Amino acid sequence: EHSRLLIFANGGHEKYFLSSADWMERNIDKRIEVTTPIFDKDIQKDLKFIFEAGLKDNQKARIVDANQKNKKIKSGDEKPFNSQNEIYDYFCAKLKNK
């Protein structure tokens, strides 16, 4: 499953949103979906971490091409980075620091 997290650069003033659906035709044209802005700076920080972790993933991430082949991203010489584990560790550490 994938997140419904949107971050718009907005000229350096990022705007964060969570959505009930991904932006696929069936969701936009045939269903009622909602998207809400996130104003809390701490939550924005968490969302940014999740977003960036997904982009760094080189263990479970896939490239979806025009033929929807879902080719696995190869880590090459890079240090292995599993976004699911990193996000879990991030929130565990955050809870310990409360």
C-alpha atoms as a PDB file:
ATOM      1  CA  GLU A   1       0.000   0.000   0.000  1.00  0.00           C
ATOM      2  CA  HIS A   2       1.132   3.558  -0.516  1.00  0.00           C
ATOM      3  CA  SER A   3       0.564   6.737   1.417  1.00  0.00           C
ATOM      4  CA  ARG A   4      -1.733   9.548   0.354  1.00  0.00           C
ATOM      5  CA  LEU A   5       0.715  12.266   1.282  1.00  0.00           C
ATOM      6  CA  LEU A   6       1.123  15.374  -0.832  1.00  0.00           C
ATOM      7  CA  ILE A   7       3.787  18.054  -0.391  1.00  0.00           C
ATOM      8  CA  PHE A   8       3.702  21.064  -2.689  1.00  0.00           C
ATOM      9  CA  ALA A   9       6.939  23.094  -2.837  1.00  0.00           C
ATOM     10  CA  ASN A  10       5.031  26.411  -3.086  1.00  0.00           C
ATOM     11  CA  GLY A  11       8.109  28.537  -3.787  1.00  0.00           C
ATOM     12  CA  GLY A  12       9.954  27.278  -0.712  1.00  0.00           C
ATOM     13  CA  HIS A  13       6.901  27.496   1.566  1.00  0.00           C
ATOM     14  CA  GLU A  14       5.851  23.862   1.584  1.00  0.00           C
ATOM     15  CA  LYS A  15       2.193  22.952   1.913  1.00  0.00           C
ATOM     16  CA  TYR A  16       1.286  19.537   3.313  1.00  0.00           C
ATOM     17  CA  PHE A  17      -1.853  17.527   2.657  1.00  0.00           C
ATOM     18  CA  LEU A  18      -3.246  14.084   3.437  1.00  0.00           C
ATOM     19  CA  SER A  19      -5.773  12.538   1.118  1.00  0.00           C
ATOM     20  CA  SER A  20      -8.231   9.657   1.346  1.00  0.00           C
ATOM     21  CA  ALA A  21      -7.270   8.466  -2.141  1.00  0.00           C
ATOM     22  CA  ASP A  22      -4.450   8.397  -4.606  1.00  0.00           C
ATOM     23  CA  TRP A  23      -4.927  10.417  -7.764  1.00  0.00           C
ATOM     24  CA  MET A  24      -6.223   7.713 -10.060  1.00  0.00           C
ATOM     25  CA  GLU A  25      -9.085   8.214 -12.496  1.00  0.00           C
ATOM     26  CA  ARG A  26     -11.435   5.903 -10.604  1.00  0.00           C
ATOM     27  CA  ASN A  27     -10.926   7.914  -7.411  1.00  0.00           C
ATOM     28  CA  ILE A  28     -11.119  11.375  -8.936  1.00  0.00           C
ATOM     29  CA  ASP A  29     -14.006  10.769 -11.345  1.00  0.00           C
ATOM     30  CA  LYS A  30     -16.126   8.097  -9.686  1.00  0.00           C
ATOM     31  CA  ARG A  31     -15.831   8.497  -5.924  1.00  0.00           C
ATOM     32  CA  ILE A  32     -16.102  11.111  -3.246  1.00  0.00           C
ATOM     33  CA  GLU A  33     -12.679  11.663  -1.712  1.00  0.00           C
ATOM     34  CA  VAL A  34     -11.231  14.301   0.578  1.00  0.00           C
ATOM     35  CA  THR A  35      -7.877  16.009   0.961  1.00  0.00           C
ATOM     36  CA  THR A  36      -7.039  18.043   4.027  1.00  0.00           C
ATOM     37  CA  PRO A  37      -4.197  20.458   4.757  1.00  0.00           C
ATOM     38  CA  ILE A  38      -1.810  19.762   7.640  1.00  0.00           C
ATOM     39  CA  PHE A  39      -0.800  22.903   9.518  1.00  0.00           C
ATOM     40  CA  ASP A  40       0.920  21.459  12.610  1.00  0.00           C
ATOM     41  CA  LYS A  41       4.695  21.915  12.185  1.00  0.00           C
ATOM     42  CA  ASP A  42       5.582  18.767  14.157  1.00  0.00           C
ATOM     43  CA  ILE A  43       3.273  16.631  12.031  1.00  0.00           C
ATOM     44  CA  GLN A  44       4.682  18.280   8.890  1.00  0.00           C
ATOM     45  CA  LYS A  45       8.172  17.262  10.029  1.00  0.00           C
ATOM     46  CA  ASP A  46       6.999  13.667  10.470  1.00  0.00           C
ATOM     47  CA  LEU A  47       5.334  13.654   7.047  1.00  0.00           C
ATOM     48  CA  LYS A  48       8.474  15.070   5.428  1.00  0.00           C
ATOM     49  CA  PHE A  49      10.529  12.263   6.996  1.00  0.00           C
ATOM     50  CA  ILE A  50       8.081   9.635   5.689  1.00  0.00           C
ATOM     51  CA  PHE A  51       8.106  11.193   2.232  1.00  0.00           C
ATOM     52  CA  GLU A  52      11.898  11.414   2.024  1.00  0.00           C
ATOM     53  CA  ALA A  53      12.355   7.898   3.428  1.00  0.00           C
ATOM     54  CA  GLY A  54      10.166   6.551   0.634  1.00  0.00           C
ATOM     55  CA  LEU A  55      12.328   8.299  -1.952  1.00  0.00           C
ATOM     56  CA  LYS A  56      15.548   6.900  -0.427  1.00  0.00           C
ATOM     57  CA  ASP A  57      14.340   3.287  -0.242  1.00  0.00           C
ATOM     58  CA  ASN A  58      16.620   0.948  -2.175  1.00  0.00           C
ATOM     59  CA  GLN A  59      15.429  -2.353  -0.691  1.00  0.00           C
ATOM     60  CA  LYS A  60      11.700  -2.663  -1.407  1.00  0.00           C
ATOM     61  CA  ALA A  61      11.050   0.264  -3.744  1.00  0.00           C
ATOM     62  CA  ARG A  62       9.957  -0.270  -7.325  1.00  0.00           C
ATOM     63  CA  ILE A  63       9.934   1.783 -10.508  1.00  0.00           C
ATOM     64  CA  VAL A  64       6.553   1.627 -12.211  1.00  0.00           C
ATOM     65  CA  ASP A  65       7.130   2.105 -15.918  1.00  0.00           C
ATOM     66  CA  ALA A  66       4.636   2.681 -18.739  1.00  0.00           C
ATOM     67  CA  ASN A  67       4.103  -1.100 -18.954  1.00  0.00           C
ATOM     68  CA  GLN A  68       3.645  -1.385 -15.176  1.00  0.00           C
ATOM     69  CA  LYS A  69       6.536  -3.834 -14.862  1.00  0.00           C
ATOM     70  CA  ASN A  70       7.289  -2.713 -11.268  1.00  0.00           C
ATOM     71  CA  LYS A  71      11.027  -3.230 -11.598  1.00  0.00           C
ATOM     72  CA  LYS A  72      12.900  -3.425  -8.308  1.00  0.00           C
ATOM     73  CA  ILE A  73      15.338  -0.597  -7.616  1.00  0.00           C
ATOM     74  CA  LYS A  74      18.880  -1.911  -7.252  1.00  0.00           C
ATOM     75  CA  SER A  75      20.917  -0.512  -4.374  1.00  0.00           C
ATOM     76  CA  GLY A  76      24.261  -0.862  -6.161  1.00  0.00           C
ATOM     77  CA  ASP A  77      27.033   0.456  -3.926  1.00  0.00           C
ATOM     78  CA  GLU A  78      24.652   2.454  -1.745  1.00  0.00           C
ATOM     79  CA  LYS A  79      24.091   1.533   1.886  1.00  0.00           C
ATOM     80  CA  PRO A  80      20.844  -0.478   2.163  1.00  0.00           C
ATOM     81  CA  PHE A  81      17.891   1.719   3.135  1.00  0.00           C
ATOM     82  CA  ASN A  82      14.521   0.127   3.936  1.00  0.00           C
ATOM     83  CA  SER A  83      11.961   2.913   4.379  1.00  0.00           C
ATOM     84  CA  GLN A  84       9.558   0.768   6.417  1.00  0.00           C
ATOM     85  CA  ASN A  85      12.252  -0.024   8.984  1.00  0.00           C
ATOM     86  CA  GLU A  86      13.535   3.554   9.024  1.00  0.00           C
ATOM     87  CA  ILE A  87      10.047   4.997   9.590  1.00  0.00           C
ATOM     88  CA  TYR A  88       9.403   2.479  12.373  1.00  0.00           C
ATOM     89  CA  ASP A  89      12.717   3.373  14.049  1.00  0.00           C
ATOM     90  CA  TYR A  90      11.981   7.100  13.645  1.00  0.00           C
ATOM     91  CA  PHE A  91       8.680   6.869  15.501  1.00  0.00           C
ATOM     92  CA  CYS A  92      10.048   4.497  18.169  1.00  0.00           C
ATOM     93  CA  ALA A  93      12.796   7.023  18.909  1.00  0.00           C
ATOM     94  CA  LYS A  94      10.259   9.839  18.949  1.00  0.00           C
ATOM     95  CA  LEU A  95       8.124   7.979  21.503  1.00  0.00           C
ATOM     96  CA  LYS A  96      11.157   7.283  23.718  1.00  0.00           C
ATOM     97  CA  ASN A  97      12.011  10.992  23.751  1.00  0.00           C
ATOM     98  CA  LYS A  98       8.574  12.042  25.024  1.00  0.00           C
END
